């Protein structure tokens, strides 16, 4: 096949594809309309989690991984004084409440968490040759009366565990004078 024939074949295949692309916003608008919403169910609100966090009084929403030995993903709603644990598939259902003032220890993969400056925490950029998609990183939160073990899976497991640990570490250090507690919506 010569180049002009190849171009004609490519144009014949790509022209219908690119002519349909402008219909995507129209289809999304139809999906949000009341007629299709009754048939297909409501479309998820892209700002729903942010609105829920604001209604709970949480300043931060962090990926909570999952409880050790469980398969259900979790979310952590955090304020300066409290942490609310919620199921990711039903974030409005709060499973447990913890006081950050009672958080005694944060451990990532068995080691006590020590915050580091980014320049010290990161190695120089390099191209990854192998990615461990089955990686597991553990975050242990030791409260005065209980220990909470969270696990993160996948290639970014360590990063997610450290991000949660760092956020909890910083919030734990804030002064709690006059900080309102998080309200739970029933």
N, C-alpha and C. Protein backbone atom coordinates (compact mmCIF):
# COMPACT_ATOMS: atom_id res chain seq x y z
N UNK A 1 0.85 -1.16 0.00
CA UNK A 1 0.00 0.00 0.00
C UNK A 1 0.91 1.23 0.00
N UNK A 2 0.72 2.09 -0.94
CA UNK A 2 1.55 3.30 -1.03
C UNK A 2 1.04 4.33 -0.03
N UNK A 3 1.81 5.38 0.15
CA UNK A 3 1.48 6.40 1.15
C UNK A 3 0.15 7.07 0.87
N UNK A 4 -0.18 7.49 -0.34
CA UNK A 4 -1.49 8.12 -0.55
C UNK A 4 -2.65 7.15 -0.25
N UNK A 5 -2.48 5.88 -0.59
CA UNK A 5 -3.55 4.93 -0.28
C UNK A 5 -3.68 4.73 1.23
N UNK A 6 -2.56 4.69 1.91
CA UNK A 6 -2.57 4.56 3.36
C UNK A 6 -3.27 5.75 4.00
N UNK A 7 -2.99 6.96 3.49
CA UNK A 7 -3.62 8.16 4.03
C UNK A 7 -5.12 8.16 3.80
N UNK A 8 -5.52 7.70 2.63
CA UNK A 8 -6.97 7.64 2.35
C UNK A 8 -7.64 6.64 3.30
N UNK A 9 -6.99 5.53 3.56
CA UNK A 9 -7.57 4.53 4.47
C UNK A 9 -7.63 5.09 5.90
N UNK A 10 -6.58 5.77 6.32
CA UNK A 10 -6.57 6.36 7.65
C UNK A 10 -7.66 7.43 7.78
N UNK A 11 -7.80 8.27 6.76
CA UNK A 11 -8.84 9.30 6.79
C UNK A 11 -10.22 8.67 6.82
N UNK A 12 -10.41 7.60 6.08
CA UNK A 12 -11.72 6.94 6.05
C UNK A 12 -12.06 6.35 7.42
N UNK A 13 -11.06 5.91 8.19
CA UNK A 13 -11.31 5.36 9.51
C UNK A 13 -11.41 6.44 10.60
N UNK A 14 -10.56 7.46 10.50
CA UNK A 14 -10.51 8.46 11.54
C UNK A 14 -11.60 9.54 11.41
N UNK A 15 -12.04 9.82 10.22
CA UNK A 15 -13.04 10.87 10.03
C UNK A 15 -14.32 10.59 10.80
N UNK A 16 -14.90 9.37 10.73
CA UNK A 16 -16.11 9.13 11.54
C UNK A 16 -15.85 9.22 13.05
N UNK A 17 -14.67 8.77 13.48
CA UNK A 17 -14.34 8.83 14.90
C UNK A 17 -14.29 10.28 15.38
N UNK A 18 -13.55 11.13 14.66
CA UNK A 18 -13.42 12.51 15.08
C UNK A 18 -14.71 13.30 14.88
N UNK A 19 -15.55 12.88 13.98
CA UNK A 19 -16.83 13.58 13.82
C UNK A 19 -17.78 13.28 14.97
N UNK A 20 -17.58 12.15 15.68
CA UNK A 20 -18.43 11.81 16.82
C UNK A 20 -17.96 12.42 18.14
N UNK A 21 -16.71 12.87 18.22
CA UNK A 21 -16.17 13.42 19.47
C UNK A 21 -16.98 14.60 20.01
N UNK A 22 -17.46 15.53 19.17
CA UNK A 22 -18.26 16.64 19.73
C UNK A 22 -19.57 16.19 20.37
N UNK A 23 -19.99 14.95 20.15
CA UNK A 23 -21.23 14.47 20.75
C UNK A 23 -21.06 14.05 22.21
N UNK A 24 -19.83 13.90 22.68
CA UNK A 24 -19.60 13.45 24.05
C UNK A 24 -20.18 14.42 25.07
N UNK A 25 -19.92 15.74 24.98
CA UNK A 25 -20.56 16.64 25.96
C UNK A 25 -22.09 16.59 25.89
N UNK A 26 -22.62 16.42 24.69
CA UNK A 26 -24.07 16.32 24.54
C UNK A 26 -24.61 15.07 25.24
N UNK A 27 -23.91 13.96 25.09
CA UNK A 27 -24.35 12.72 25.76
C UNK A 27 -24.24 12.86 27.28
N UNK A 28 -23.20 13.54 27.76
CA UNK A 28 -23.08 13.75 29.20
C UNK A 28 -24.20 14.65 29.71
N UNK A 29 -24.58 15.66 28.93
CA UNK A 29 -25.68 16.53 29.32
C UNK A 29 -26.99 15.75 29.37
N UNK A 30 -27.22 14.88 28.37
CA UNK A 30 -28.42 14.05 28.37
C UNK A 30 -28.44 13.13 29.59
N UNK A 31 -27.27 12.61 29.97
CA UNK A 31 -27.17 11.69 31.10
C UNK A 31 -27.59 12.37 32.40
N UNK A 32 -27.28 13.67 32.51
CA UNK A 32 -27.64 14.40 33.71
C UNK A 32 -29.08 14.87 33.69
N UNK A 33 -29.75 14.77 32.56
CA UNK A 33 -31.14 15.21 32.44
C UNK A 33 -32.09 14.32 33.23
N UNK A 34 -33.29 14.84 33.55
CA UNK A 34 -34.22 14.08 34.38
C UNK A 34 -34.76 12.81 33.72
N UNK A 35 -34.95 12.80 32.38
CA UNK A 35 -35.53 11.60 31.73
C UNK A 35 -34.60 10.41 31.84
N UNK A 36 -33.33 10.58 31.48
CA UNK A 36 -32.37 9.47 31.57
C UNK A 36 -31.98 9.16 33.01
N UNK A 37 -32.02 10.16 33.88
CA UNK A 37 -31.69 9.92 35.28
C UNK A 37 -32.70 8.97 35.92
N UNK A 38 -33.95 9.07 35.51
CA UNK A 38 -34.95 8.13 36.04
C UNK A 38 -34.69 6.71 35.56
N UNK A 39 -34.24 6.57 34.33
CA UNK A 39 -33.97 5.24 33.78
C UNK A 39 -32.66 4.65 34.27
N UNK A 40 -31.61 5.45 34.28
CA UNK A 40 -30.27 4.95 34.60
C UNK A 40 -29.85 5.22 36.04
N UNK A 41 -30.61 5.99 36.78
CA UNK A 41 -30.20 6.39 38.12
C UNK A 41 -29.42 7.68 38.04
N UNK A 42 -29.30 8.40 39.12
CA UNK A 42 -28.61 9.69 39.07
C UNK A 42 -27.12 9.53 38.80
N UNK A 43 -26.59 10.49 38.07
CA UNK A 43 -25.15 10.52 37.81
C UNK A 43 -24.44 10.95 39.10
N UNK A 44 -23.27 10.40 39.38
CA UNK A 44 -22.57 10.80 40.61
C UNK A 44 -22.17 12.27 40.55
N UNK A 45 -22.26 12.93 41.69
CA UNK A 45 -21.89 14.34 41.80
C UNK A 45 -20.37 14.42 41.91
N UNK A 46 -19.70 15.10 40.97
CA UNK A 46 -18.23 15.16 41.04
C UNK A 46 -17.72 15.91 42.26
N UNK A 47 -18.52 16.80 42.82
CA UNK A 47 -18.12 17.54 44.02
C UNK A 47 -18.74 16.98 45.29
N UNK A 48 -19.35 15.80 45.19
CA UNK A 48 -20.06 15.23 46.33
C UNK A 48 -19.19 15.00 47.54
N UNK A 49 -17.98 14.49 47.33
CA UNK A 49 -17.08 14.20 48.45
C UNK A 49 -16.64 15.50 49.13
N UNK A 50 -16.36 16.51 48.34
CA UNK A 50 -15.96 17.80 48.90
C UNK A 50 -17.11 18.42 49.70
N UNK A 51 -18.33 18.31 49.17
CA UNK A 51 -19.50 18.83 49.89
C UNK A 51 -19.73 18.07 51.19
N UNK A 52 -19.57 16.75 51.14
CA UNK A 52 -19.74 15.95 52.35
C UNK A 52 -18.70 16.32 53.40
N UNK A 53 -17.45 16.49 52.98
CA UNK A 53 -16.39 16.88 53.91
C UNK A 53 -16.71 18.24 54.54
N UNK A 54 -17.19 19.18 53.74
CA UNK A 54 -17.55 20.49 54.29
C UNK A 54 -18.70 20.38 55.28
N UNK A 55 -19.68 19.53 54.98
CA UNK A 55 -20.81 19.38 55.90
C UNK A 55 -20.38 18.69 57.21
N UNK A 56 -19.36 17.86 57.15
CA UNK A 56 -18.84 17.22 58.36
C UNK A 56 -17.88 18.12 59.12
N UNK A 57 -17.41 19.19 58.49
CA UNK A 57 -16.43 20.07 59.11
C UNK A 57 -15.01 19.59 58.93
N UNK A 58 -14.79 18.67 58.01
CA UNK A 58 -13.45 18.12 57.77
C UNK A 58 -12.68 19.02 56.81
N UNK A 59 -11.45 19.28 57.15
CA UNK A 59 -10.59 20.09 56.29
C UNK A 59 -9.90 19.26 55.22
N UNK A 60 -9.71 17.98 55.51
CA UNK A 60 -8.99 17.09 54.60
C UNK A 60 -9.73 15.77 54.44
N UNK A 61 -9.65 15.22 53.23
CA UNK A 61 -10.14 13.87 52.97
C UNK A 61 -8.95 13.10 52.42
N UNK A 62 -8.61 12.01 53.08
CA UNK A 62 -7.42 11.24 52.72
C UNK A 62 -7.82 9.81 52.40
N UNK A 63 -7.15 9.23 51.42
CA UNK A 63 -7.34 7.82 51.09
C UNK A 63 -6.94 7.02 52.32
N UNK A 64 -7.86 6.22 52.83
CA UNK A 64 -7.59 5.44 54.04
C UNK A 64 -7.13 4.04 53.77
N UNK A 65 -6.92 3.69 52.50
CA UNK A 65 -6.53 2.31 52.21
C UNK A 65 -7.66 1.39 52.56
N UNK A 66 -7.35 0.36 53.32
CA UNK A 66 -8.38 -0.57 53.81
C UNK A 66 -7.91 -1.11 55.14
N UNK A 67 -8.86 -1.57 55.95
CA UNK A 67 -8.48 -2.18 57.22
C UNK A 67 -7.71 -3.47 56.94
N UNK A 68 -6.73 -3.77 57.75
CA UNK A 68 -5.96 -5.00 57.57
C UNK A 68 -6.89 -6.20 57.62
N UNK A 69 -6.82 -7.05 56.61
CA UNK A 69 -7.67 -8.22 56.54
C UNK A 69 -9.02 -7.98 55.90
N UNK A 70 -9.28 -6.76 55.43
CA UNK A 70 -10.56 -6.43 54.80
C UNK A 70 -10.31 -6.02 53.36
N UNK A 71 -11.35 -6.03 52.57
CA UNK A 71 -11.22 -5.64 51.17
C UNK A 71 -11.90 -4.31 50.87
N UNK A 72 -12.60 -3.74 51.84
CA UNK A 72 -13.36 -2.51 51.62
C UNK A 72 -12.46 -1.29 51.72
N UNK A 73 -12.42 -0.45 50.67
CA UNK A 73 -11.62 0.77 50.74
C UNK A 73 -12.24 1.79 51.70
N UNK A 74 -11.39 2.59 52.32
CA UNK A 74 -11.81 3.55 53.33
C UNK A 74 -11.40 4.96 52.96
N UNK A 75 -12.07 5.92 53.57
CA UNK A 75 -11.70 7.33 53.50
C UNK A 75 -11.50 7.84 54.92
N UNK A 76 -10.58 8.78 55.08
CA UNK A 76 -10.36 9.42 56.37
C UNK A 76 -10.75 10.89 56.24
N UNK A 77 -11.75 11.31 57.00
CA UNK A 77 -12.13 12.72 57.06
C UNK A 77 -11.41 13.30 58.26
N UNK A 78 -10.58 14.33 58.03
CA UNK A 78 -9.71 14.85 59.08
C UNK A 78 -9.96 16.32 59.35
N UNK A 79 -9.98 16.66 60.62
CA UNK A 79 -9.95 18.05 61.07
C UNK A 79 -8.78 18.16 62.03
N UNK A 80 -8.63 19.33 62.63
CA UNK A 80 -7.50 19.51 63.55
C UNK A 80 -7.62 18.66 64.80
N UNK A 81 -8.82 18.22 65.14
CA UNK A 81 -8.98 17.48 66.37
C UNK A 81 -9.45 16.05 66.23
N UNK A 82 -10.03 15.71 65.08
CA UNK A 82 -10.65 14.39 64.95
C UNK A 82 -10.39 13.74 63.59
N UNK A 83 -10.56 12.44 63.59
CA UNK A 83 -10.50 11.64 62.37
C UNK A 83 -11.75 10.78 62.33
N UNK A 84 -12.47 10.86 61.20
CA UNK A 84 -13.63 10.02 60.99
C UNK A 84 -13.26 8.98 59.94
N UNK A 85 -13.57 7.73 60.20
CA UNK A 85 -13.30 6.63 59.29
C UNK A 85 -14.60 6.28 58.59
N UNK A 86 -14.58 6.28 57.24
CA UNK A 86 -15.80 6.01 56.47
C UNK A 86 -15.48 5.05 55.33
N UNK A 87 -16.49 4.27 54.93
CA UNK A 87 -16.34 3.38 53.78
C UNK A 87 -16.34 4.23 52.52
N UNK A 88 -15.47 3.92 51.56
CA UNK A 88 -15.37 4.72 50.35
C UNK A 88 -16.63 4.62 49.49
N UNK A 89 -17.30 3.47 49.49
CA UNK A 89 -18.49 3.32 48.67
C UNK A 89 -19.72 3.98 49.31
N UNK A 90 -19.67 4.27 50.60
CA UNK A 90 -20.72 4.98 51.31
C UNK A 90 -20.07 5.99 52.25
N UNK A 91 -19.51 7.07 51.71
CA UNK A 91 -18.75 7.99 52.57
C UNK A 91 -19.61 8.70 53.61
N UNK A 92 -20.92 8.77 53.39
CA UNK A 92 -21.77 9.43 54.38
C UNK A 92 -21.98 8.56 55.63
N UNK A 93 -21.65 7.29 55.55
CA UNK A 93 -21.78 6.38 56.69
C UNK A 93 -20.45 6.32 57.45
N UNK A 94 -20.41 6.96 58.59
CA UNK A 94 -19.20 7.03 59.39
C UNK A 94 -19.08 5.76 60.22
N UNK A 95 -17.96 5.07 60.09
CA UNK A 95 -17.74 3.81 60.80
C UNK A 95 -17.22 4.03 62.21
N UNK A 96 -16.22 4.90 62.33
CA UNK A 96 -15.62 5.14 63.65
C UNK A 96 -15.10 6.56 63.73
N UNK A 97 -14.96 7.03 64.97
CA UNK A 97 -14.46 8.37 65.25
C UNK A 97 -13.26 8.25 66.19
N UNK A 98 -12.19 9.01 65.89
CA UNK A 98 -10.99 8.98 66.71
C UNK A 98 -10.57 10.41 67.04
N UNK A 99 -10.07 10.60 68.24
CA UNK A 99 -9.53 11.89 68.64
C UNK A 99 -8.05 11.92 68.30
N UNK A 100 -7.62 12.93 67.56
CA UNK A 100 -6.20 13.02 67.19
C UNK A 100 -5.34 13.38 68.40
N UNK A 101 -5.94 13.92 69.44
CA UNK A 101 -5.18 14.21 70.66
C UNK A 101 -4.74 12.90 71.33
N UNK A 102 -5.46 11.82 71.06
CA UNK A 102 -5.11 10.52 71.66
C UNK A 102 -4.21 9.68 70.75
N UNK A 103 -3.84 10.23 69.59
CA UNK A 103 -2.94 9.52 68.67
C UNK A 103 -1.53 9.59 69.23
N UNK A 104 -1.01 8.45 69.64
CA UNK A 104 0.30 8.39 70.28
C UNK A 104 1.43 8.08 69.32
N UNK A 105 1.15 7.28 68.30
CA UNK A 105 2.23 6.85 67.42
C UNK A 105 1.70 6.59 66.02
N UNK A 106 2.51 6.94 65.02
CA UNK A 106 2.21 6.66 63.62
C UNK A 106 3.36 5.84 63.08
N UNK A 107 3.05 4.67 62.52
CA UNK A 107 4.08 3.79 61.97
C UNK A 107 3.76 3.48 60.51
N UNK A 108 4.76 3.58 59.65
CA UNK A 108 4.63 3.22 58.24
C UNK A 108 5.55 2.03 58.00
N UNK A 109 4.98 0.91 57.62
CA UNK A 109 5.71 -0.33 57.38
C UNK A 109 6.58 -0.72 58.58
N UNK A 110 6.01 -0.56 59.78
CA UNK A 110 6.69 -0.98 60.99
C UNK A 110 7.65 0.03 61.58
N UNK A 111 7.99 1.08 60.85
CA UNK A 111 8.93 2.10 61.32
C UNK A 111 8.16 3.33 61.82
N UNK A 112 8.60 3.95 62.91
CA UNK A 112 7.94 5.18 63.36
C UNK A 112 8.04 6.25 62.27
N UNK A 113 6.92 6.93 62.01
CA UNK A 113 6.90 7.94 60.94
C UNK A 113 7.65 9.18 61.40
N UNK A 114 8.60 9.63 60.59
CA UNK A 114 9.33 10.87 60.81
C UNK A 114 9.14 11.75 59.59
N UNK A 115 8.54 12.92 59.74
CA UNK A 115 8.37 13.79 58.56
C UNK A 115 9.72 14.25 58.04
N UNK A 116 9.81 14.31 56.72
CA UNK A 116 11.06 14.73 56.08
C UNK A 116 10.75 15.80 55.05
N UNK A 117 11.73 16.66 54.83
CA UNK A 117 11.57 17.62 53.76
C UNK A 117 11.59 16.87 52.44
N UNK A 118 10.94 17.42 51.45
CA UNK A 118 10.83 16.73 50.17
C UNK A 118 12.19 16.44 49.57
N UNK A 119 13.13 17.36 49.71
CA UNK A 119 14.44 17.14 49.11
C UNK A 119 15.15 15.95 49.75
N UNK A 120 14.88 15.67 51.01
CA UNK A 120 15.48 14.52 51.67
C UNK A 120 14.68 13.24 51.46
N UNK A 121 13.37 13.40 51.26
CA UNK A 121 12.51 12.24 51.16
C UNK A 121 12.60 11.57 49.79
N UNK A 122 12.91 12.33 48.77
CA UNK A 122 12.88 11.80 47.41
C UNK A 122 14.29 11.54 46.89
N UNK A 123 14.42 10.46 46.20
CA UNK A 123 15.67 10.19 45.50
C UNK A 123 15.60 10.93 44.17
N UNK A 124 16.75 11.16 43.53
CA UNK A 124 16.70 11.84 42.24
C UNK A 124 15.81 11.09 41.25
N UNK A 125 15.13 11.80 40.37
CA UNK A 125 14.22 11.14 39.43
C UNK A 125 14.96 10.13 38.55
N UNK A 126 14.32 9.01 38.35
CA UNK A 126 14.88 8.00 37.47
C UNK A 126 13.72 7.25 36.83
N UNK A 127 13.97 6.69 35.70
CA UNK A 127 12.93 5.94 35.01
C UNK A 127 12.79 4.56 35.65
N UNK A 128 11.55 4.23 36.02
CA UNK A 128 11.28 2.93 36.62
C UNK A 128 11.37 1.84 35.56
N UNK A 129 12.07 0.77 35.86
CA UNK A 129 12.13 -0.34 34.93
C UNK A 129 11.15 -1.44 35.32
N UNK A 130 10.89 -1.56 36.60
CA UNK A 130 9.92 -2.53 37.08
C UNK A 130 9.02 -1.87 38.11
N UNK A 131 7.73 -2.06 37.95
CA UNK A 131 6.76 -1.51 38.89
C UNK A 131 6.12 -2.69 39.62
N UNK A 132 6.13 -2.62 40.94
CA UNK A 132 5.55 -3.68 41.75
C UNK A 132 4.06 -3.37 41.95
N UNK A 133 3.23 -3.95 41.12
CA UNK A 133 1.79 -3.71 41.19
C UNK A 133 1.14 -4.42 42.38
N UNK A 134 1.85 -5.34 42.98
CA UNK A 134 1.33 -6.08 44.14
C UNK A 134 1.90 -5.56 45.45
N UNK A 135 2.50 -4.37 45.43
CA UNK A 135 3.11 -3.82 46.64
C UNK A 135 2.04 -3.55 47.70
N UNK A 136 2.41 -3.75 48.94
CA UNK A 136 1.53 -3.49 50.08
C UNK A 136 2.31 -2.67 51.09
N UNK A 137 1.71 -1.59 51.54
CA UNK A 137 2.33 -0.76 52.57
C UNK A 137 1.33 -0.64 53.73
N UNK A 138 1.86 -0.70 54.94
CA UNK A 138 1.00 -0.70 56.13
C UNK A 138 1.18 0.57 56.94
N UNK A 139 0.07 1.13 57.37
CA UNK A 139 0.06 2.31 58.23
C UNK A 139 -0.61 1.91 59.54
N UNK A 140 0.14 2.01 60.62
CA UNK A 140 -0.40 1.67 61.95
C UNK A 140 -0.57 2.96 62.74
N UNK A 141 -1.77 3.18 63.24
CA UNK A 141 -2.08 4.34 64.07
C UNK A 141 -2.37 3.82 65.48
N UNK A 142 -1.53 4.21 66.43
CA UNK A 142 -1.67 3.74 67.80
C UNK A 142 -2.30 4.86 68.62
N UNK A 143 -3.54 4.62 69.04
CA UNK A 143 -4.26 5.56 69.89
C UNK A 143 -4.10 5.10 71.34
N UNK A 144 -4.54 5.92 72.27
CA UNK A 144 -4.39 5.59 73.69
C UNK A 144 -5.08 4.27 74.04
N UNK A 145 -6.22 4.00 73.41
CA UNK A 145 -6.96 2.79 73.78
C UNK A 145 -7.05 1.75 72.67
N UNK A 146 -6.54 2.04 71.49
CA UNK A 146 -6.73 1.12 70.37
C UNK A 146 -5.66 1.33 69.32
N UNK A 147 -5.44 0.29 68.54
CA UNK A 147 -4.52 0.36 67.40
C UNK A 147 -5.33 0.15 66.13
N UNK A 148 -5.09 1.00 65.14
CA UNK A 148 -5.79 0.91 63.86
C UNK A 148 -4.75 0.58 62.79
N UNK A 149 -4.90 -0.57 62.12
CA UNK A 149 -3.97 -1.00 61.08
C UNK A 149 -4.63 -0.85 59.72
N UNK A 150 -4.02 -0.02 58.86
CA UNK A 150 -4.51 0.22 57.51
C UNK A 150 -3.50 -0.31 56.51
N UNK A 151 -3.98 -0.81 55.39
CA UNK A 151 -3.10 -1.32 54.33
C UNK A 151 -3.42 -0.60 53.03
N UNK A 152 -2.37 -0.31 52.28
CA UNK A 152 -2.49 0.31 50.96
C UNK A 152 -1.91 -0.65 49.95
N UNK A 153 -2.58 -0.82 48.81
CA UNK A 153 -2.15 -1.75 47.78
C UNK A 153 -1.77 -1.00 46.51
N UNK A 154 -0.94 -1.64 45.70
CA UNK A 154 -0.64 -1.14 44.37
C UNK A 154 0.70 -0.45 44.28
N UNK A 155 1.02 0.05 43.09
CA UNK A 155 2.34 0.65 42.88
C UNK A 155 2.59 1.92 43.68
N UNK A 156 1.52 2.61 44.12
CA UNK A 156 1.69 3.83 44.89
C UNK A 156 1.38 3.62 46.37
N UNK A 157 1.45 2.40 46.83
CA UNK A 157 1.07 2.06 48.21
C UNK A 157 1.90 2.84 49.22
N UNK A 158 3.19 2.87 49.06
CA UNK A 158 4.06 3.57 50.01
C UNK A 158 3.75 5.06 50.02
N UNK A 159 3.56 5.65 48.86
CA UNK A 159 3.26 7.07 48.76
C UNK A 159 1.95 7.41 49.47
N UNK A 160 0.91 6.60 49.24
CA UNK A 160 -0.39 6.85 49.87
C UNK A 160 -0.30 6.72 51.38
N UNK A 161 0.42 5.73 51.88
CA UNK A 161 0.58 5.56 53.32
C UNK A 161 1.33 6.74 53.92
N UNK A 162 2.39 7.21 53.26
CA UNK A 162 3.15 8.34 53.77
C UNK A 162 2.35 9.63 53.70
N UNK A 163 1.53 9.80 52.66
CA UNK A 163 0.69 11.00 52.56
C UNK A 163 -0.31 11.05 53.72
N UNK A 164 -0.93 9.92 54.02
CA UNK A 164 -1.87 9.87 55.15
C UNK A 164 -1.13 10.10 56.47
N UNK A 165 0.02 9.48 56.62
CA UNK A 165 0.80 9.64 57.85
C UNK A 165 1.23 11.09 58.04
N UNK A 166 1.66 11.73 56.97
CA UNK A 166 2.11 13.12 57.07
C UNK A 166 0.96 14.05 57.44
N UNK A 167 -0.19 13.84 56.82
CA UNK A 167 -1.35 14.68 57.13
C UNK A 167 -1.76 14.50 58.59
N UNK A 168 -1.81 13.26 59.06
CA UNK A 168 -2.15 13.00 60.46
C UNK A 168 -1.11 13.59 61.41
N UNK A 169 0.15 13.47 61.05
CA UNK A 169 1.23 14.02 61.88
C UNK A 169 1.10 15.52 62.02
N UNK A 170 0.84 16.21 60.90
CA UNK A 170 0.70 17.66 60.94
C UNK A 170 -0.53 18.10 61.72
N UNK A 171 -1.65 17.42 61.54
CA UNK A 171 -2.87 17.79 62.25
C UNK A 171 -2.76 17.50 63.75
N UNK A 172 -2.02 16.50 64.10
CA UNK A 172 -1.84 16.14 65.51
C UNK A 172 -1.07 17.22 66.26
N UNK A 173 -0.24 17.96 65.56
CA UNK A 173 0.59 18.98 66.19
C UNK A 173 -0.11 20.33 66.33
N UNK A 174 -1.29 20.51 65.72
CA UNK A 174 -1.99 21.78 65.80
C UNK A 174 -2.57 21.98 67.20
N UNK A 175 -2.63 23.23 67.67
CA UNK A 175 -3.27 23.47 68.96
C UNK A 175 -4.77 23.24 68.84
N UNK A 176 -5.38 22.66 69.88
CA UNK A 176 -6.79 22.28 69.82
C UNK A 176 -7.71 23.26 70.53
N UNK A 177 -7.22 24.41 70.96
CA UNK A 177 -8.06 25.37 71.66
C UNK A 177 -9.12 25.94 70.72
N UNK A 178 -10.37 25.71 71.05
CA UNK A 178 -11.47 26.26 70.26
C UNK A 178 -11.73 25.54 68.97
N UNK A 179 -11.14 24.37 68.75
CA UNK A 179 -11.37 23.63 67.51
C UNK A 179 -12.66 22.83 67.66
N UNK A 180 -13.64 23.06 66.76
CA UNK A 180 -14.89 22.30 66.88
C UNK A 180 -14.68 20.85 66.47
N UNK A 181 -15.49 19.97 67.05
CA UNK A 181 -15.42 18.56 66.67
C UNK A 181 -16.21 18.36 65.39
N UNK A 182 -15.91 17.28 64.69
CA UNK A 182 -16.61 16.97 63.45
C UNK A 182 -18.01 16.45 63.77
N UNK A 183 -18.98 16.93 63.04
CA UNK A 183 -20.35 16.46 63.26
C UNK A 183 -20.63 15.30 62.31
N UNK A 184 -21.39 14.36 62.76
CA UNK A 184 -21.74 13.20 61.96
C UNK A 184 -23.16 13.37 61.47
N UNK A 185 -23.35 13.24 60.16
CA UNK A 185 -24.68 13.37 59.58
C UNK A 185 -25.35 12.03 59.66
N UNK A 186 -26.51 11.96 60.27
CA UNK A 186 -27.22 10.68 60.42
C UNK A 186 -28.05 10.37 59.21
